Amino acid sequence: MRKKTLVLAASLLLGGMTVRAATRRLRALRSVAPELRSPLLLVPVHLGGPRTLRLLRRVPAGRTRIAPGVAVAKGTLAARGEHPPVDVYVYQPSRRSKPSGALLWIHGGGFVLGQPVAYHELASRFARELGIVVVSVDYRLAPEHPFPAGLEDCWTALSWLHDHTEELGIDPGRLAVGGDSAGGGLTAALSQMALDRGGPPICFQLMLYPMLDDRTVLRHDHAGTGAVAWSPVSNRYGWTAYLGHTPGPDEPRPYAAPARRDDLSGLPPAWVGVGDIDLFHAEDVAYADRLSEAGVPCELLVVPGMYHGADTLFDGKVPSMTAFRASMIDALRRGLAAAR
């Protein structure tokens, strides 16, 4: 009786979803680690088209708290060639040994959503705990601005950061790049671009469940991943919007989908963190393995029962996600220290 009541409640919560569909939803949630379950997961959100995108963009970005002792300033970087000005947020801790390291942070959102203000807490935490400067870039989003617009905005921010190291009290040899989801994919692409263009030098790349491979859209069997949070439907829309076309067997443009790059040698040391029920699990593990095979030091952390973005909900609330975030910060600490 209790099971039927739960199914009925879920059905009502899902806005008219059938009992059978609600049962399937509850079954999918069994793969989620018990401490990471939330009523929010009962409501599937698929980013399947422009209408859903408009609705999601109307939701106000949650401005997270800024860590004590960290000053934040918003600035606008000058236009570069055919590329427009780029807004950035610069985080500086009150206590910092100069010259310090720095991190260029790239937010997630499937290439179509996201704002830096939602990452105030994380960006300022990086700055405070590591004693570094953090620059968070507000890059252009698809589908209005498909590839390479967003990546070029990240390049503008990286170039500005490198050109102003003396002014900001930064060691130019200790510039790291990091991001989550689509921001993790842009981190990988930016690292490849910097290598090919001969700099600015990047000493470390930090990738949280990165969105790396458009070919995941072509797969039909996801081995149980992607049932919670970022789904195959959302992934197809995100990649299609970003690339300007539906993903196919070939994508000749360098950096569009960083996992397609053949030679990964010479890239900066990396950290990759992902859950084993995240849709990006297979592509992230494959990329981390290929980095290691290419001689690039790469630490891979896979968390059982973790779905896409679970750490944003449960950091500081459950041990696994607190440890996940701590591992990420420790990896960045080591990466910046090794570049001294």
Foldseek 3Di string as FASTA:
>chain_A
DVVQVVLVVLCVVQPNRDSVVLVVQVVLLVQFDPVLDDPVQSHDDFPQDDVSLVVVQVPDQDQDDADPQKDKDKDWACADVVAHIWIKIKIAGNDADFPAAEEEEEEDDLQADDDCRNCNHVQNCLCVVQVYMYMYTGFDGWLVDAPPRRLVSSVSVQVVCLVCSVVVRHDQLRYAYEYEACSLLSQLLNLVVQVVVVDPDHAEYEYELYQADLCLLVDDDLPSAQSTDRHSSNNQVSLCGHNVHGDDPDDPDRSSRNLPDDQLAPGHAYEYEEEPRESSVVVRVVVQVRCVVNVHHYHYHYHRSDYGPSLVVDCVNDVVSVVVSVVSSVVSSVSSVVSD
